[in-house]
Every structure is written in C-alpha cells, then in structure tokens.
C-alpha cells in the first residue's frame, strides 16, 4: 500500500468536494448558449444530462435535478432514472410560467400586473390604447406589437395574438432570478432598438436589450416585496425569473416570468449554490466556494467580451 505524505494529505483535504452534486437537464439543440458556450464552465460543477448522453451516464437518482428541458426531464422521471421529488421545477408546472396566456390567467387582476384581456373583441374597451399585444408562446419579443390607436389595432395580426395588456410607460426594466421568493441575481435591461424602447417596429422583430449586472445587496426593498409575493403565486416553481418594469411614477409591474431564462454572467454559480444549500441543508464547503468563485470571475469576463463587448456589463 502506498503511503501518502502529510502534504499530499493536506492537498487532498483542500480539494473541492461539492462540485458535480446537481444534475442539469437540458437540450443543447434548443439554444441556451450560456449552458453550451465553449469553455463557459457550467459543466465543471453541474452534471449535464441531455437527450443524447443520459443513457451513457450512471445517474445517481438521489441527487437534485434542475430542469432546463421539460421533455427530457419528464422522460428521465418516467424511466425511473431520477426522482420527481428531487426535481427543481417539475415539467408539469413549467408551462404556467413559459406560456403568456397561462401566466396571465394565474395573475390577472393583481395590482402589479398590467391590465390584461384575452379576447380581441373586448381588448379596446377593457385595456384601451396604447396596448401591447402578445402571442401565447414566444421569446425575445418576437410576435409582440404595440398598438397605439384603432387603425393599428384593426391592422394587427390577431390570428397570432392571444394576450392584450396595457402598455407601461417605463422608467426602467429589470430581470431578477429568484429562488423560493427571494432574489438571487439582478440585471438591469437596457433597451437598444426602438421596439424595446417604445414598441415601434415590426411584430416579427426581436426586442434587443443590453444587460447590466447589479449588486444583489443593493436591491431596493420594493423589489424584494414584489418578488416575495409572486414567489408565493408561483411556489410550484422554486427557481423562476421575473421581468419587472418600473413606470415613470415608480410603480412596479411583473411583465413576464420564465422558468428557463438565459444565464449570462455568473448566474449559473449562484443557481448552483442556492439549489445545493436548499437540497443538502448546508452551503458548499470552503474549497468548493473558492473554486466556484474562480469560475464566476472567469464567466463575468467571458460575458463582457461577448457580442462585441458592449451587451453585457457589470458593477465591480
């Protein structure tokens, strides 16, 4: 038997032992570039399960699982490879967030939701102009159009629209990643094109934003209160992202929710740590914390250089 030196023993004791203790279920063919981006580091702590690789992995069904592809996650549950009770964001609940129509049916009437109508025939009387019209499914603003008068309303592609909401004259726009009713990551969304700024542009055009990471500890109390309230409404989805608008008078509105948002900067590190603590009942060990911070620093700089070096910025 080979006898280890005291220094070898110390070095092994310092090795991070809490990495790769959470599964990430996702489909790389569907985008999510921050999960798949070359050298983006998330695979150094999450164990990724995909439609192509899960049969090659000796899956430990006692580990927690984060859903980023509902069909694959449900398949793993159905095949008995993972335990449904260990899944963060069970597939059967995710559509309540991703579908704009189902989202509004859950929250309509709340004072922090823009007045909303689901029928074209009632939209003008119930919502009024200007209004924002959205398809039931979609992302990045595709299919969304702002209707400022009766003429634009009459000419709108109503066969593709399902939700009509009051247009908010915004002062600022924010994206919060939350876990069980508490914010874990804060970005300010800065509109770039006219569609993102004021709704002008074609319905098939993307809304383009730049993203600025803010210091979470500086989150204003009114945002925390709002997130806590909606965390209860969406309690079946412990991890959820809320897009929040602040109007010119300072009132906050939840515009959309998303259980599988894009994850720039070092968001995946924060996600890993909160899920780990919730599932295992403790924080990651000190050596893992140090290693995760190394990955976080790397990914912050990686994000800053993406898309020409102007789209992603952060407070230092």
Protein backbone atom coordinates (compact mmCIF):
# COMPACT_ATOMS: atom_id res chain seq x y z
CA UNK A 1 0.00 0.00 0.00
CA UNK A 2 1.33 3.41 -1.00
CA UNK A 3 1.70 5.73 1.98
CA UNK A 4 0.74 9.36 1.37
CA UNK A 5 2.89 12.20 2.60
CA UNK A 6 1.43 14.72 5.02
CA UNK A 7 1.49 17.38 2.27
CA UNK A 8 -0.45 15.10 -0.08
CA UNK A 9 -2.98 14.58 2.68
CA UNK A 10 -3.36 18.36 3.13
CA UNK A 11 -3.67 18.95 -0.60
CA UNK A 12 -6.42 16.35 -0.90
CA UNK A 13 -8.24 17.88 2.05
CA UNK A 14 -8.34 21.20 0.18
CA UNK A 15 -9.88 19.73 -2.97
CA UNK A 16 -13.45 20.92 -3.64
CA UNK A 17 -15.79 18.07 -2.79
CA UNK A 18 -19.16 19.69 -3.51
CA UNK A 19 -18.88 20.11 -7.27
CA UNK A 20 -20.96 17.92 -9.62
CA UNK A 21 -23.63 17.27 -7.00
CA UNK A 22 -26.53 18.64 -9.09
CA UNK A 23 -27.84 17.46 -12.46
CA UNK A 24 -28.82 19.92 -15.19
CA UNK A 25 -31.31 18.52 -17.70
CA UNK A 26 -31.27 20.42 -20.97
CA UNK A 27 -31.22 20.02 -24.74
CA UNK A 28 -28.19 21.66 -26.42
CA UNK A 29 -30.02 21.66 -29.76
CA UNK A 30 -32.50 24.24 -28.48
CA UNK A 31 -30.11 27.08 -27.79
CA UNK A 32 -29.31 28.15 -24.21
CA UNK A 33 -25.95 29.28 -25.43
CA UNK A 34 -24.66 30.09 -21.95
CA UNK A 35 -25.04 26.45 -20.96
CA UNK A 36 -23.33 25.27 -24.14
CA UNK A 37 -20.89 28.09 -24.93
CA UNK A 38 -17.37 26.73 -25.33
CA UNK A 39 -15.40 26.92 -22.07
CA UNK A 40 -18.24 28.70 -20.27
CA UNK A 41 -17.54 26.49 -17.23
CA UNK A 42 -21.04 25.44 -16.10
CA UNK A 43 -20.18 21.83 -16.92
CA UNK A 44 -17.44 22.00 -14.30
CA UNK A 45 -19.99 21.96 -11.46
CA UNK A 46 -23.35 20.87 -12.93
CA UNK A 47 -23.56 17.36 -14.38
CA UNK A 48 -25.38 17.81 -17.67
CA UNK A 49 -27.99 15.31 -18.81
CA UNK A 50 -29.10 15.62 -22.43
CA UNK A 51 -31.31 13.54 -24.76
CA UNK A 52 -28.12 12.12 -26.29
CA UNK A 53 -25.94 11.41 -23.27
CA UNK A 54 -28.19 10.36 -20.37
CA UNK A 55 -28.03 6.65 -21.25
CA UNK A 56 -24.24 6.77 -21.05
CA UNK A 57 -24.21 8.25 -17.53
CA UNK A 58 -24.52 6.28 -14.33
CA UNK A 59 -27.20 8.55 -12.88
CA UNK A 60 -27.48 8.78 -9.10
CA UNK A 61 -31.22 9.22 -8.56
CA UNK A 62 -30.61 10.64 -5.08
CA UNK A 63 -29.10 13.86 -6.47
CA UNK A 64 -31.12 17.04 -7.12
CA UNK A 65 -32.07 17.99 -10.68
CA UNK A 66 -32.61 21.37 -12.34
CA UNK A 67 -34.97 21.33 -15.33
CA UNK A 68 -33.97 23.23 -18.47
CA UNK A 69 -35.76 20.89 -20.89
CA UNK A 70 -39.15 19.63 -19.79
CA UNK A 71 -39.48 16.71 -22.23
CA UNK A 72 -36.12 15.18 -21.32
CA UNK A 73 -36.71 15.68 -17.62
CA UNK A 74 -40.13 14.03 -17.82
CA UNK A 75 -38.60 11.14 -19.74
CA UNK A 76 -36.00 10.63 -17.00
CA UNK A 77 -38.78 10.64 -14.40
CA UNK A 78 -40.91 8.20 -16.39
CA UNK A 79 -37.94 5.84 -16.84
CA UNK A 80 -37.23 5.91 -13.11
CA UNK A 81 -33.76 7.39 -13.59
CA UNK A 82 -34.40 10.43 -11.38
CA UNK A 83 -36.80 11.04 -8.51
CA UNK A 84 -39.55 13.55 -9.22
CA UNK A 85 -39.35 14.87 -5.66
CA UNK A 86 -35.71 15.85 -6.30
CA UNK A 87 -36.57 17.94 -9.37
CA UNK A 88 -36.38 21.71 -9.14
CA UNK A 89 -39.09 22.97 -11.50
CA UNK A 90 -41.14 19.93 -12.32
CA UNK A 91 -42.07 19.80 -16.02
CA UNK A 92 -45.82 19.79 -15.31
CA UNK A 93 -45.57 23.27 -13.75
CA UNK A 94 -43.18 24.96 -16.17
CA UNK A 95 -45.84 25.89 -18.74
CA UNK A 96 -47.54 28.07 -16.12
CA UNK A 97 -44.55 30.35 -16.49
CA UNK A 98 -43.49 29.96 -20.12
CA UNK A 99 -46.95 30.46 -21.62
CA UNK A 100 -48.00 34.10 -21.59
CA UNK A 101 -51.67 33.10 -21.62
CA UNK A 102 -51.32 30.73 -18.64
CA UNK A 103 -49.16 33.26 -16.80
CA UNK A 104 -51.85 35.93 -17.09
CA UNK A 105 -54.62 33.56 -16.07
CA UNK A 106 -52.72 32.96 -12.82
CA UNK A 107 -52.05 36.60 -12.02
CA UNK A 108 -54.64 38.76 -13.79
CA UNK A 109 -56.28 41.30 -11.52
CA UNK A 110 -53.19 41.78 -9.34
CA UNK A 111 -52.23 45.43 -8.89
CA UNK A 112 -48.69 44.68 -10.10
CA UNK A 113 -49.86 43.16 -13.38
CA UNK A 114 -50.77 45.46 -16.29
CA UNK A 115 -54.50 45.35 -17.05
CA UNK A 116 -54.95 42.42 -19.41
CA UNK A 117 -57.59 40.98 -21.73
CA UNK A 118 -57.62 37.64 -23.56
CA UNK A 119 -60.26 38.43 -26.19
CA UNK A 120 -59.75 40.64 -29.20
CA UNK A 121 -63.38 41.74 -29.10
CA UNK A 122 -63.02 43.17 -25.57
CA UNK A 123 -59.45 44.50 -25.73
CA UNK A 124 -60.16 48.10 -26.78
CA UNK A 125 -62.84 48.65 -24.14
CA UNK A 126 -61.10 46.78 -21.31
CA UNK A 127 -57.47 47.78 -21.92
CA UNK A 128 -57.51 50.88 -24.11
CA UNK A 129 -54.65 52.46 -26.03
CA UNK A 130 -51.75 52.14 -26.03
CA UNK A 131 -51.76 48.39 -25.53
CA UNK A 132 -49.20 45.66 -26.05
CA UNK A 133 -50.38 42.51 -27.84
CA UNK A 134 -48.56 39.18 -27.45
CA UNK A 135 -48.74 35.62 -28.75
CA UNK A 136 -49.37 32.92 -26.14
CA UNK A 137 -45.89 31.44 -26.67
CA UNK A 138 -42.65 33.10 -27.66
CA UNK A 139 -39.48 34.82 -26.54
CA UNK A 140 -37.23 37.83 -27.24
CA UNK A 141 -40.21 39.99 -28.12
CA UNK A 142 -40.93 38.07 -31.34
CA UNK A 143 -44.59 38.39 -32.25
CA UNK A 144 -45.19 41.24 -29.82
CA UNK A 145 -46.60 44.50 -31.14
CA UNK A 146 -47.62 47.79 -29.53
CA UNK A 147 -50.96 49.13 -30.75
CA UNK A 148 -51.34 52.86 -30.21
CA UNK A 149 -54.63 53.56 -31.96
CA UNK A 150 -57.67 51.97 -33.57
CA UNK A 151 -56.08 51.87 -37.02
CA UNK A 152 -53.09 49.85 -35.75
CA UNK A 153 -55.46 47.61 -33.83
CA UNK A 154 -57.55 46.90 -36.92
CA UNK A 155 -54.44 46.06 -38.96
CA UNK A 156 -52.80 43.83 -36.31
CA UNK A 157 -52.35 40.06 -36.98
CA UNK A 158 -54.95 39.00 -34.40
CA UNK A 159 -54.85 35.39 -35.55
CA UNK A 160 -51.38 35.23 -33.97
CA UNK A 161 -52.22 37.19 -30.81
CA UNK A 162 -53.67 35.88 -27.55
CA UNK A 163 -52.97 38.45 -24.84
CA UNK A 164 -53.68 42.21 -24.83
CA UNK A 165 -52.20 44.27 -21.98
CA UNK A 166 -51.88 47.91 -21.00
CA UNK A 167 -48.65 49.40 -22.32
CA UNK A 168 -46.43 50.64 -19.48
CA UNK A 169 -44.57 53.91 -19.95
CA UNK A 170 -41.44 52.61 -18.29
CA UNK A 171 -38.71 54.33 -16.34
CA UNK A 172 -36.58 51.20 -16.03
CA UNK A 173 -36.69 47.47 -16.67
CA UNK A 174 -35.18 44.69 -14.57
CA UNK A 175 -34.64 40.94 -14.71
CA UNK A 176 -34.48 39.06 -11.43
CA UNK A 177 -33.56 35.41 -11.00
CA UNK A 178 -35.33 34.23 -7.85
CA UNK A 179 -35.39 31.17 -5.65
CA UNK A 180 -38.33 30.42 -3.38
CA UNK A 181 -39.44 34.04 -3.28
CA UNK A 182 -36.03 35.65 -2.82
CA UNK A 183 -33.85 37.39 -5.43
CA UNK A 184 -30.57 35.64 -6.20
CA UNK A 185 -29.43 37.62 -9.25
CA UNK A 186 -30.28 41.11 -10.57
CA UNK A 187 -29.81 42.56 -14.04
CA UNK A 188 -30.99 45.86 -15.47
CA UNK A 189 -32.30 45.51 -19.03
CA UNK A 190 -31.30 48.46 -21.18
CA UNK A 191 -33.33 48.74 -24.42
CA UNK A 192 -31.31 49.05 -27.62
CA UNK A 193 -33.71 49.16 -30.56
CA UNK A 194 -36.95 51.11 -30.97
CA UNK A 195 -39.12 48.06 -30.37
CA UNK A 196 -37.55 47.54 -26.96
CA UNK A 197 -37.65 51.26 -26.13
CA UNK A 198 -41.18 52.20 -27.12
CA UNK A 199 -42.77 49.35 -29.05
CA UNK A 200 -42.14 50.70 -32.54
CA UNK A 201 -41.11 48.18 -35.17
CA UNK A 202 -42.39 45.07 -36.88
CA UNK A 203 -44.06 42.34 -34.82
CA UNK A 204 -41.57 39.77 -36.14
CA UNK A 205 -38.61 41.86 -34.97
CA UNK A 206 -36.68 40.98 -31.80
CA UNK A 207 -36.63 43.27 -28.81
CA UNK A 208 -32.95 43.97 -28.26
CA UNK A 209 -31.50 44.69 -24.83
CA UNK A 210 -28.16 45.17 -23.18
CA UNK A 211 -27.79 43.66 -19.71
CA UNK A 212 -26.05 45.16 -16.72
CA UNK A 213 -25.46 43.02 -13.64
CA UNK A 214 -26.21 44.88 -10.42
CA UNK A 215 -25.06 44.16 -6.87
CA UNK A 216 -27.73 41.98 -5.31
CA UNK A 217 -27.21 43.50 -1.86
CA UNK A 218 -28.37 46.87 -3.27
CA UNK A 219 -31.78 45.53 -4.36
CA UNK A 220 -34.45 48.07 -3.32
CA UNK A 221 -36.94 46.81 -0.75
CA UNK A 222 -39.94 47.29 -3.03
CA UNK A 223 -38.47 44.75 -5.49
CA UNK A 224 -37.93 42.23 -2.68
CA UNK A 225 -41.52 42.65 -1.52
CA UNK A 226 -42.87 42.14 -5.04
CA UNK A 227 -40.70 39.06 -5.63
CA UNK A 228 -41.81 37.53 -2.33
CA UNK A 229 -45.48 37.99 -3.30
CA UNK A 230 -45.09 36.43 -6.73
CA UNK A 231 -42.84 33.70 -5.36
CA UNK A 232 -45.88 32.50 -3.40
CA UNK A 233 -48.08 32.61 -6.50
CA UNK A 234 -45.52 30.52 -8.40
CA UNK A 235 -44.49 28.36 -5.44
CA UNK A 236 -44.55 25.25 -7.66
CA UNK A 237 -41.54 26.72 -9.47
CA UNK A 238 -38.81 27.31 -6.87
CA UNK A 239 -36.44 28.76 -9.49
CA UNK A 240 -38.08 31.42 -11.65
CA UNK A 241 -37.09 34.61 -13.44
CA UNK A 242 -39.29 37.73 -13.35
CA UNK A 243 -39.07 40.63 -15.78
CA UNK A 244 -40.11 43.73 -13.86
CA UNK A 245 -40.93 47.18 -15.22
CA UNK A 246 -40.88 50.36 -13.16
CA UNK A 247 -43.15 53.07 -14.54
CA UNK A 248 -42.44 56.80 -14.50
CA UNK A 249 -44.17 57.11 -11.11
CA UNK A 250 -42.11 54.32 -9.57
CA UNK A 251 -44.78 51.60 -9.54
CA UNK A 252 -43.58 48.07 -10.32
CA UNK A 253 -45.18 45.63 -12.72
CA UNK A 254 -44.39 41.98 -13.42
CA UNK A 255 -44.31 41.73 -17.21
CA UNK A 256 -43.28 38.13 -17.75
CA UNK A 257 -41.92 35.09 -15.98
CA UNK A 258 -39.59 32.40 -17.25
CA UNK A 259 -38.50 29.16 -15.59
CA UNK A 260 -35.68 28.59 -18.10
CA UNK A 261 -34.12 32.01 -18.78
CA UNK A 262 -30.80 32.69 -20.46
CA UNK A 263 -27.96 32.65 -17.93
CA UNK A 264 -25.24 35.23 -18.70
CA UNK A 265 -22.52 36.39 -16.33
CA UNK A 266 -22.05 34.06 -13.33
CA UNK A 267 -25.74 33.31 -12.81
CA UNK A 268 -25.15 29.56 -13.00
CA UNK A 269 -22.81 29.72 -10.00
CA UNK A 270 -25.48 31.44 -7.89
CA UNK A 271 -28.06 28.93 -9.09
CA UNK A 272 -25.81 26.03 -8.14
CA UNK A 273 -25.15 27.38 -4.66
CA UNK A 274 -28.78 28.10 -3.73
CA UNK A 275 -30.03 24.73 -5.00
CA UNK A 276 -27.18 22.95 -3.23
CA UNK A 277 -27.96 24.67 0.08
CA UNK A 278 -31.69 24.05 -0.24
CA UNK A 279 -31.29 20.36 -1.08
CA UNK A 280 -28.40 19.38 1.18
CA UNK A 281 -29.21 21.73 4.06
CA UNK A 282 -25.79 23.38 4.08
CA UNK A 283 -23.58 25.63 2.00
CA UNK A 284 -20.86 24.21 -0.24
CA UNK A 285 -17.56 23.57 1.51
CA UNK A 286 -14.91 26.27 1.61
CA UNK A 287 -12.72 24.78 -1.13
CA UNK A 288 -15.73 24.47 -3.44
CA UNK A 289 -16.72 28.07 -2.69
CA UNK A 290 -13.22 29.20 -3.72
CA UNK A 291 -13.35 27.16 -6.94
CA UNK A 292 -16.85 28.42 -7.80
CA UNK A 293 -15.65 32.00 -7.34
CA UNK A 294 -12.85 31.30 -9.81
CA UNK A 295 -15.42 30.09 -12.31
CA UNK A 296 -17.63 33.11 -11.57
CA UNK A 297 -14.79 35.57 -12.22
CA UNK A 298 -13.97 33.78 -15.45
CA UNK A 299 -17.57 33.86 -16.68
CA UNK A 300 -18.02 37.52 -15.84
CA UNK A 301 -15.11 38.38 -18.09
CA UNK A 302 -16.31 35.92 -20.73
CA UNK A 303 -19.72 37.58 -20.81
CA UNK A 304 -18.20 41.04 -21.01
CA UNK A 305 -16.40 40.11 -24.23
CA UNK A 306 -19.40 38.52 -25.96
CA UNK A 307 -21.45 40.14 -28.74
CA UNK A 308 -18.86 42.80 -29.48
CA UNK A 309 -18.08 43.62 -25.88
CA UNK A 310 -20.96 46.06 -25.27
CA UNK A 311 -24.02 43.96 -24.49
CA UNK A 312 -23.05 42.61 -21.05
CA UNK A 313 -21.58 44.82 -18.33
CA UNK A 314 -21.47 44.57 -14.56
CA UNK A 315 -20.83 46.52 -11.37
CA UNK A 316 -17.39 45.83 -9.96
